[in-house]
Amino acid sequence: MMNSALSQSLQSDIYNITQISAVPSILNIICKTTGMRFSAVARVTDDKWITCMSQDEINFGLKTGDELLLKTTICNEIRQHSNPVIIDEVRKSTEFCYHHTPAQYGFQSYISFPIFRKNGEFFGTLCAIDPEPAKLDNKEIKDLFELYTQLISFHLDAIEEMSELSAKLQQEKHVGELRETFIAVLGHDLRNPVGTTRMCADILLQMDLPEIANRQASTIKSTSYRMQGLIDNLLDFAKGHLGDGIRLKLTPNKQALKKLLLQVSKEIKTVDSDHEITLHFDLQDNFECDINRIGQLYSNLLGNAIKHGARNKPIKTEIVAQNGIFSLAVSNWGNKIPDAKKLDLFKPFFTTNATNNKSGLGLGLYISSEIAKAHDGKMEVESTDDITEFKFTMPIKTVSNDVHITE
């Protein structure tokens, strides 16, 4: 049982020794090899000798947390001179035959090796005693103790390093959860003012206003859609990292999907006049998908193509459902994406730092990839010196024959 009177630091040191699964085996092997019947790992400071763990076959009486008066131990001397002490038989030892420690504790054989931490700090000793003499002063026993003290030191450092890493990991996890909660709350609170802005723009567009005012109202409305997309991406990112993930509402309605993708394209065109956007549909097979999520994915891909595509060059969209596969591909003219960056494109907060993407959050492609995964699909990118294509593909799940499919 741990001695509650000890300082937190000493309690931690002793606890760490008890967490080293090899120590009981080490103590047992020491007893079997040397013939001695008491062995222990001791924590030794400038004022304390404390048992960390022991194997006691002579009823010496020391258990984990028990103390000896430091000045009565030979380990105190080892702490001072940092050398091992080996005594085969006290009564025949010129140095220890009249020493107070063997007389007080009644042992004839004794061995103790210092344990040093990786930084050179003295930790304590690995020791053994017995009332009977033993043959200890030989190379095999010395090598055994040297090996075991190094092993204990290694494990102590490993435990402390793991503890520090765990503490840092918990701190980083806490900070990450706070950050993602903040993002989620912020995204949720931004929805209302964005919705109000769009509603006001709609009211202005219904009024008889000068052409320049109508254009400004249209810009406000289209910008609000862009803001809504950013908010949706923030919320999806936060939900995914907080454990909610992206949930799907599957619908077998090809016509509704087509209508939504055309609407997304139309909204993008209101804020971009530099690109011609074309859509080609070839929806032969029936399929289910989350229409709104696919619309979100398409909006992200289209926005990405506009940011990085060459000006005055077309952006082409191909939507195909045939041979058991649904695919949505967006391609644009522009510079090749370096191979080194392709692996990171679908990671959160990754941006290419392009001059036309300074305001990007770096979440669009990541959210698109998460939407693809939620559909059991995947996102891929192919990029040459002329054309870059982002493509979403998913296997078509069998749609029940009694489900009405709208063409």
Protein backbone atom coordinates (compact mmCIF):
# COMPACT_ATOMS: atom_id res chain seq x y z
CA MET A 1 0.00 0.00 0.00
CA MET A 2 1.29 3.47 -0.88
CA ASN A 3 2.51 5.61 2.00
CA SER A 4 0.17 8.62 1.94
CA ALA A 5 2.65 10.62 4.03
CA LEU A 6 5.09 10.71 1.12
CA SER A 7 5.26 13.63 -1.27
CA GLN A 8 3.34 13.39 -4.53
CA SER A 9 6.63 13.13 -6.43
CA LEU A 10 7.83 10.15 -4.39
CA GLN A 11 4.44 8.46 -4.60
CA SER A 12 4.62 8.86 -8.37
CA ASP A 13 8.13 7.36 -8.50
CA ILE A 14 7.05 4.34 -6.48
CA TYR A 15 3.87 3.91 -8.51
CA ASN A 16 5.89 3.95 -11.73
CA ILE A 17 8.04 1.07 -10.47
CA THR A 18 4.91 -0.93 -9.65
CA GLN A 19 3.72 -0.36 -13.22
CA ILE A 20 6.80 -2.06 -14.69
CA SER A 21 5.55 -5.58 -15.30
CA ALA A 22 9.10 -6.97 -15.47
CA VAL A 23 10.09 -5.97 -11.92
CA PRO A 24 8.50 -8.97 -10.12
CA SER A 25 10.29 -11.31 -12.55
CA ILE A 26 13.56 -9.42 -12.04
CA LEU A 27 13.32 -9.77 -8.26
CA ASN A 28 12.43 -13.44 -8.54
CA ILE A 29 15.33 -14.18 -10.90
CA ILE A 30 17.73 -12.34 -8.58
CA CYS A 31 16.63 -14.53 -5.66
CA LYS A 32 16.85 -17.73 -7.69
CA THR A 33 20.22 -16.86 -9.23
CA THR A 34 21.95 -15.62 -6.08
CA GLY A 35 20.22 -17.90 -3.57
CA MET A 36 19.26 -14.84 -1.54
CA ARG A 37 15.78 -14.63 -0.12
CA PHE A 38 15.03 -10.94 -0.07
CA SER A 39 15.33 -8.58 -3.04
CA ALA A 40 13.93 -5.12 -3.64
CA VAL A 41 13.89 -1.97 -5.69
CA ALA A 42 14.34 1.02 -3.39
CA ARG A 43 13.77 4.73 -3.97
CA VAL A 44 16.60 6.55 -2.23
CA THR A 45 16.74 10.32 -1.71
CA ASP A 46 18.90 12.53 0.47
CA ASP A 47 16.58 11.85 3.41
CA LYS A 48 14.54 8.73 2.64
CA TRP A 49 14.84 5.02 1.84
CA ILE A 50 11.51 3.67 0.54
CA THR A 51 10.53 0.21 -0.71
CA CYS A 52 9.10 0.36 -4.24
CA MET A 53 8.65 -3.38 -4.67
CA SER A 54 10.11 -6.44 -2.97
CA GLN A 55 10.25 -10.23 -2.90
CA ASP A 56 10.48 -11.37 0.71
CA GLU A 57 11.08 -15.04 1.63
CA ILE A 58 12.62 -14.32 5.07
CA ASN A 59 9.83 -12.19 6.53
CA PHE A 60 12.02 -9.12 6.52
CA GLY A 61 8.77 -7.17 6.55
CA LEU A 62 9.21 -4.55 3.85
CA LYS A 63 6.35 -3.94 1.43
CA THR A 64 5.65 -1.26 -1.15
CA GLY A 65 5.74 2.17 0.50
CA ASP A 66 7.51 0.99 3.67
CA GLU A 67 10.54 2.99 4.83
CA LEU A 68 13.85 2.37 6.53
CA LEU A 69 15.77 5.06 8.36
CA LEU A 70 18.14 6.30 5.67
CA LYS A 71 21.24 6.51 7.87
CA THR A 72 20.86 2.85 8.81
CA THR A 73 21.23 1.69 5.18
CA ILE A 74 24.23 1.00 2.99
CA CYS A 75 22.18 2.44 0.10
CA ASN A 76 22.74 5.87 1.63
CA GLU A 77 26.46 5.40 1.06
CA ILE A 78 25.83 4.16 -2.49
CA ARG A 79 23.82 7.35 -3.15
CA GLN A 80 26.90 9.33 -2.12
CA HIS A 81 29.63 7.46 -3.99
CA SER A 82 27.48 5.95 -6.83
CA ASN A 83 29.25 2.58 -6.78
CA PRO A 84 27.74 -0.88 -6.24
CA VAL A 85 28.39 -2.73 -2.97
CA ILE A 86 28.85 -6.52 -2.91
CA ILE A 87 29.36 -8.56 0.28
CA ASP A 88 29.63 -12.35 0.09
CA GLU A 89 29.91 -12.76 3.87
CA VAL A 90 29.83 -9.89 6.34
CA ARG A 91 31.85 -11.60 9.06
CA LYS A 92 34.75 -12.13 6.60
CA SER A 93 34.61 -8.61 5.14
CA THR A 94 37.27 -6.27 6.50
CA GLU A 95 35.18 -3.25 5.41
CA PHE A 96 31.75 -4.35 6.66
CA CYS A 97 32.29 -6.81 9.51
CA TYR A 98 31.83 -4.02 12.05
CA HIS A 99 29.40 -1.96 9.97
CA HIS A 100 26.23 -0.94 11.82
CA THR A 101 23.83 -1.90 9.00
CA PRO A 102 24.48 -5.71 8.90
CA ALA A 103 24.46 -5.78 12.69
CA GLN A 104 21.13 -3.94 12.85
CA TYR A 105 19.34 -5.94 10.17
CA GLY A 106 21.01 -9.31 10.68
CA PHE A 107 22.23 -10.17 7.20
CA GLN A 108 25.46 -11.84 6.10
CA SER A 109 25.25 -11.43 2.31
CA TYR A 110 24.41 -8.18 0.57
CA ILE A 111 24.41 -6.75 -2.95
CA SER A 112 23.15 -3.39 -4.15
CA PHE A 113 23.55 -1.63 -7.50
CA PRO A 114 22.61 2.02 -8.14
CA ILE A 115 19.79 2.87 -10.56
CA PHE A 116 20.39 6.01 -12.60
CA ARG A 117 17.88 7.83 -14.78
CA LYS A 118 18.69 8.64 -18.40
CA ASN A 119 19.65 12.18 -17.40
CA GLY A 120 22.20 10.82 -14.89
CA GLU A 121 20.05 11.48 -11.83
CA PHE A 122 20.33 8.92 -9.02
CA PHE A 123 16.97 7.16 -8.48
CA GLY A 124 17.67 4.38 -6.00
CA THR A 125 19.00 0.84 -5.83
CA LEU A 126 18.35 -2.74 -6.84
CA CYS A 127 19.41 -4.76 -3.81
CA ALA A 128 19.27 -8.16 -2.12
CA ILE A 129 20.09 -9.49 1.35
CA ASP A 130 20.14 -12.81 3.20
CA PRO A 131 21.02 -13.98 6.72
CA GLU A 132 23.31 -16.59 5.15
CA PRO A 133 26.46 -16.05 3.07
CA ALA A 134 26.24 -16.13 -0.74
CA LYS A 135 28.64 -16.18 -3.67
CA LEU A 136 28.03 -12.77 -5.29
CA ASP A 137 31.34 -11.23 -6.25
CA ASN A 138 31.61 -12.69 -9.75
CA LYS A 139 31.15 -11.39 -13.31
CA GLU A 140 27.86 -13.19 -13.97
CA ILE A 141 26.07 -11.66 -10.96
CA LYS A 142 27.52 -8.22 -11.63
CA ASP A 143 26.43 -8.34 -15.28
CA LEU A 144 22.96 -9.49 -14.20
CA PHE A 145 22.50 -6.56 -11.83
CA GLU A 146 23.95 -4.11 -14.33
CA LEU A 147 21.51 -5.32 -16.97
CA TYR A 148 18.51 -5.17 -14.65
CA THR A 149 19.27 -1.68 -13.34
CA GLN A 150 19.54 -0.42 -16.92
CA LEU A 151 16.26 -2.15 -17.79
CA ILE A 152 14.48 -0.56 -14.83
CA SER A 153 15.89 2.85 -15.76
CA PHE A 154 14.70 2.43 -19.35
CA HIS A 155 11.19 1.53 -18.24
CA LEU A 156 11.02 4.45 -15.82
CA ASP A 157 11.90 6.89 -18.57
CA ALA A 158 9.45 5.23 -20.97
CA ILE A 159 6.62 5.47 -18.41
CA GLU A 160 7.29 9.15 -17.76
CA GLU A 161 7.53 9.93 -21.46
CA MET A 162 4.24 8.13 -22.11
CA SER A 163 2.65 10.00 -19.21
CA GLU A 164 3.83 13.34 -20.60
CA LEU A 165 2.63 12.44 -24.08
CA SER A 166 -0.73 11.35 -22.69
CA ALA A 167 -1.09 14.63 -20.79
CA LYS A 168 -0.22 16.62 -23.90
CA LEU A 169 -2.62 14.54 -25.97
CA GLN A 170 -5.43 15.16 -23.51
CA GLN A 171 -4.68 18.87 -23.56
CA GLU A 172 -4.65 18.95 -27.35
CA LYS A 173 -7.88 16.96 -27.43
CA HIS A 174 -9.51 19.41 -25.02
CA VAL A 175 -8.35 22.39 -27.07
CA GLY A 176 -9.56 20.69 -30.25
CA GLU A 177 -12.98 20.00 -28.76
CA LEU A 178 -13.28 23.61 -27.60
CA ARG A 179 -12.27 24.84 -31.06
CA GLU A 180 -14.74 22.59 -32.85
CA THR A 181 -17.54 23.46 -30.42
CA PHE A 182 -16.81 27.12 -31.07
CA ILE A 183 -16.97 26.51 -34.82
CA ALA A 184 -20.28 24.68 -34.46
CA VAL A 185 -21.83 27.42 -32.32
CA LEU A 186 -20.48 30.14 -34.57
CA GLY A 187 -21.78 28.41 -37.68
CA HIS A 188 -25.19 27.91 -36.13
CA ASP A 189 -25.45 31.53 -34.97
CA LEU A 190 -24.43 32.85 -38.39
CA ARG A 191 -27.28 31.09 -40.18
CA ASN A 192 -29.98 33.50 -39.00
CA PRO A 193 -28.33 36.77 -40.16
CA VAL A 194 -27.38 35.16 -43.48
CA GLY A 195 -30.96 34.02 -43.97
CA THR A 196 -32.21 37.49 -43.12
CA THR A 197 -29.80 39.02 -45.63
CA ARG A 198 -31.09 36.73 -48.39
CA MET A 199 -34.71 37.49 -47.50
CA CYS A 200 -34.03 41.24 -47.67
CA ALA A 201 -32.36 40.78 -51.05
CA ASP A 202 -35.43 38.90 -52.31
CA ILE A 203 -37.68 41.75 -51.16
CA LEU A 204 -35.51 44.31 -52.94
CA LEU A 205 -35.55 42.25 -56.14
CA GLN A 206 -39.36 42.32 -56.15
CA MET A 207 -39.43 46.10 -55.96
CA ASP A 208 -39.31 48.53 -58.87
CA LEU A 209 -35.75 49.73 -58.43
CA PRO A 210 -33.14 51.13 -60.82
CA GLU A 211 -31.08 48.57 -62.68
CA ILE A 212 -27.94 49.29 -60.64
CA ALA A 213 -29.89 48.64 -57.41
CA ASN A 214 -31.22 45.36 -58.82
CA ARG A 215 -27.69 44.28 -59.67
CA GLN A 216 -26.52 45.06 -56.16
CA ALA A 217 -29.46 43.16 -54.65
CA SER A 218 -28.65 40.18 -56.89
CA THR A 219 -25.04 40.32 -55.73
CA ILE A 220 -26.16 40.39 -52.09
CA LYS A 221 -28.39 37.37 -52.64
CA SER A 222 -25.74 35.35 -54.47
CA THR A 223 -23.15 36.26 -51.85
CA SER A 224 -25.49 35.03 -49.13
CA TYR A 225 -25.58 31.64 -50.86
CA ARG A 226 -21.81 31.57 -50.81
CA MET A 227 -21.80 32.46 -47.11
CA GLN A 228 -24.36 29.72 -46.47
CA GLY A 229 -22.06 27.22 -48.18
CA LEU A 230 -19.15 28.24 -45.96
CA ILE A 231 -21.33 27.94 -42.86
CA ASP A 232 -22.55 24.50 -43.93
CA ASN A 233 -18.96 23.37 -44.40
CA LEU A 234 -18.02 24.67 -40.95
CA LEU A 235 -20.95 22.89 -39.33
CA ASP A 236 -20.26 19.64 -41.18
CA PHE A 237 -16.62 19.75 -40.14
CA ALA A 238 -17.50 20.41 -36.50
CA LYS A 239 -20.19 17.72 -36.43
CA GLY A 240 -17.85 15.19 -37.99
CA HIS A 241 -15.13 15.81 -35.41
CA LEU A 242 -17.58 15.93 -32.52
CA GLY A 243 -18.85 12.47 -33.41
CA ASP A 244 -22.11 13.21 -35.20
CA GLY A 245 -20.71 12.63 -38.68
CA ILE A 246 -22.49 13.38 -41.94
CA ARG A 247 -25.95 11.89 -41.99
CA LEU A 248 -27.73 11.08 -45.23
CA LYS A 249 -31.34 11.25 -46.29
CA LEU A 250 -31.47 8.99 -49.33
CA THR A 251 -34.02 9.79 -52.04
CA PRO A 252 -34.55 7.99 -55.40
CA ASN A 253 -35.41 11.13 -57.39
CA LYS A 254 -33.22 11.78 -60.42
CA GLN A 255 -35.24 14.76 -61.58
CA ALA A 256 -34.97 16.52 -58.22
CA LEU A 257 -31.19 15.99 -58.24
CA LYS A 258 -30.91 17.35 -61.77
CA LYS A 259 -32.99 20.40 -60.83
CA LEU A 260 -30.86 21.09 -57.77
CA LEU A 261 -27.54 20.80 -59.65
CA LEU A 262 -28.82 23.20 -62.31
CA GLN A 263 -29.88 25.59 -59.52
CA VAL A 264 -26.41 25.39 -57.94
CA SER A 265 -24.84 26.16 -61.30
CA LYS A 266 -27.20 29.11 -61.78
CA GLU A 267 -26.38 30.54 -58.36
CA ILE A 268 -22.64 30.27 -59.02
CA LYS A 269 -23.05 32.05 -62.36
CA THR A 270 -24.58 35.07 -60.64
CA VAL A 271 -21.24 35.85 -58.97
CA ASP A 272 -18.93 34.60 -61.70
CA SER A 273 -19.00 35.83 -65.26
CA ASP A 274 -15.53 34.63 -66.24
CA HIS A 275 -16.45 31.01 -66.92
CA GLU A 276 -18.98 29.20 -69.01
CA ILE A 277 -20.47 26.38 -66.93
CA THR A 278 -21.92 23.41 -68.80
CA LEU A 279 -23.74 20.38 -67.42
CA HIS A 280 -24.29 17.08 -69.17
CA PHE A 281 -26.62 14.46 -67.67
CA ASP A 282 -26.70 10.78 -68.59
CA LEU A 283 -28.79 9.21 -65.82
CA GLN A 284 -29.67 5.80 -67.24
CA ASP A 285 -29.70 3.79 -63.99
CA ASN A 286 -31.98 4.42 -61.06
CA PHE A 287 -30.19 5.24 -57.83
CA GLU A 288 -30.58 6.69 -54.34
CA CYS A 289 -28.57 9.55 -52.88
CA ASP A 290 -28.88 12.45 -50.49
CA ILE A 291 -29.85 15.12 -53.01
CA ASN A 292 -28.96 18.10 -50.82
CA ARG A 293 -25.58 16.61 -49.91
CA ILE A 294 -24.74 15.92 -53.55
CA GLY A 295 -25.74 19.51 -54.27
CA GLN A 296 -23.39 20.66 -51.52
CA LEU A 297 -20.60 18.50 -52.92
CA TYR A 298 -21.19 19.92 -56.40
CA SER A 299 -21.22 23.49 -55.08
CA ASN A 300 -17.86 22.89 -53.40
CA LEU A 301 -16.33 21.37 -56.54
CA LEU A 302 -17.73 24.11 -58.76
CA GLY A 303 -16.50 26.82 -56.41
CA ASN A 304 -13.07 25.21 -56.38
CA ALA A 305 -13.00 25.08 -60.20
CA ILE A 306 -13.89 28.77 -60.42
CA LYS A 307 -11.17 29.74 -57.93
CA HIS A 308 -8.43 27.79 -59.64
CA GLY A 309 -9.62 27.47 -63.23
CA ALA A 310 -8.22 29.61 -66.02
CA ARG A 311 -10.33 32.71 -66.73
CA ASN A 312 -12.51 32.74 -69.82
CA LYS A 313 -12.18 28.96 -70.08
CA PRO A 314 -15.21 26.66 -69.69
CA ILE A 315 -15.98 24.51 -66.67
CA LYS A 316 -17.57 21.20 -67.61
CA THR A 317 -19.74 18.99 -65.44
CA GLU A 318 -20.58 15.37 -66.28
CA ILE A 319 -23.25 13.56 -64.24
CA VAL A 320 -23.58 9.89 -65.18
CA ALA A 321 -25.49 6.92 -63.75
CA GLN A 322 -24.92 3.71 -65.63
CA ASN A 323 -23.40 0.24 -65.26
CA GLY A 324 -23.97 0.32 -61.50
CA ILE A 325 -21.94 3.49 -60.93
CA PHE A 326 -23.00 7.08 -60.27
CA SER A 327 -20.40 9.74 -61.00
CA LEU A 328 -20.18 13.51 -60.88
CA ALA A 329 -17.10 15.07 -62.47
CA VAL A 330 -16.11 18.74 -62.63
CA SER A 331 -13.24 19.71 -64.90
CA ASN A 332 -11.58 23.04 -65.56
CA TRP A 333 -8.69 24.44 -67.54
CA GLY A 334 -5.72 25.65 -65.52
CA ASN A 335 -2.33 24.87 -64.07
CA LYS A 336 -1.47 21.33 -63.06
CA ILE A 337 -1.80 20.44 -59.39
CA PRO A 338 1.62 19.25 -58.17
CA ASP A 339 1.69 15.58 -57.24
CA ALA A 340 3.04 16.46 -53.79
CA LYS A 341 -0.12 18.46 -53.03
CA LYS A 342 -2.65 16.01 -54.45
CA LEU A 343 -2.43 13.77 -51.38
CA ASP A 344 -3.37 16.68 -49.10
CA LEU A 345 -6.20 18.20 -51.12
CA PHE A 346 -8.92 16.39 -49.17
CA LYS A 347 -7.52 17.18 -45.72
CA PRO A 348 -9.26 19.80 -43.56
CA PHE A 349 -7.96 23.38 -43.69
CA PHE A 350 -5.62 22.61 -46.58
CA THR A 351 -5.22 25.42 -49.08
CA THR A 352 -2.91 25.80 -52.04
CA ASN A 353 -2.17 29.42 -51.05
CA ALA A 354 -3.07 30.49 -54.55
CA THR A 355 -3.54 34.24 -55.04
CA ASN A 356 -7.19 33.68 -55.90
CA ASN A 357 -7.83 31.57 -52.81
CA LYS A 358 -6.58 33.68 -49.93
CA SER A 359 -10.00 33.80 -48.28
CA GLY A 360 -10.71 30.08 -48.49
CA LEU A 361 -11.18 28.00 -45.34
CA GLY A 362 -9.75 24.86 -46.89
CA LEU A 363 -12.83 22.82 -45.96
CA GLY A 364 -14.69 22.49 -49.28
CA LEU A 365 -12.82 19.51 -50.70
CA TYR A 366 -12.60 17.87 -47.27
CA ILE A 367 -16.39 18.09 -46.80
CA SER A 368 -16.89 16.82 -50.35
CA SER A 369 -14.71 13.83 -49.53
CA GLU A 370 -16.70 13.17 -46.34
CA ILE A 371 -19.97 13.34 -48.29
CA ALA A 372 -18.51 10.86 -50.78
CA LYS A 373 -17.49 8.48 -47.96
CA ALA A 374 -20.96 8.73 -46.42
CA HIS A 375 -22.33 7.47 -49.76
CA ASP A 376 -19.78 4.60 -49.72
CA GLY A 377 -18.06 6.44 -52.57
CA LYS A 378 -14.80 8.30 -53.07
CA MET A 379 -13.30 11.50 -54.43
CA GLU A 380 -10.47 11.42 -56.96
CA VAL A 381 -8.49 14.07 -58.79
CA GLU A 382 -6.65 13.93 -62.10
CA SER A 383 -4.56 16.89 -63.18
CA THR A 384 -2.52 17.52 -66.33
CA ASP A 385 -0.77 20.60 -67.66
CA ASP A 386 -4.08 21.73 -69.19
CA ILE A 387 -7.06 20.22 -67.37
CA THR A 388 -7.90 19.30 -63.79
CA GLU A 389 -10.83 17.02 -62.98
CA PHE A 390 -12.36 16.27 -59.58
CA LYS A 391 -14.60 13.22 -59.71
CA PHE A 392 -17.03 11.72 -57.20
CA THR A 393 -18.06 8.10 -57.79
CA MET A 394 -20.26 5.79 -55.78
CA PRO A 395 -21.74 2.34 -56.33
CA ILE A 396 -25.45 2.40 -57.14
CA LYS A 397 -27.46 0.60 -54.52
CA THR A 398 -30.36 -1.49 -55.75
CA VAL A 399 -33.61 0.50 -55.65
CA SER A 400 -36.76 -1.45 -54.82
CA ASN A 401 -39.09 -1.96 -57.76
CA ASP A 402 -42.04 -0.57 -55.81
CA VAL A 403 -40.29 2.78 -55.37
CA HIS A 404 -41.43 5.38 -57.88
CA ILE A 405 -38.50 6.91 -59.75
CA THR A 406 -39.08 10.41 -61.08
CA GLU A 407 -37.43 11.02 -64.41
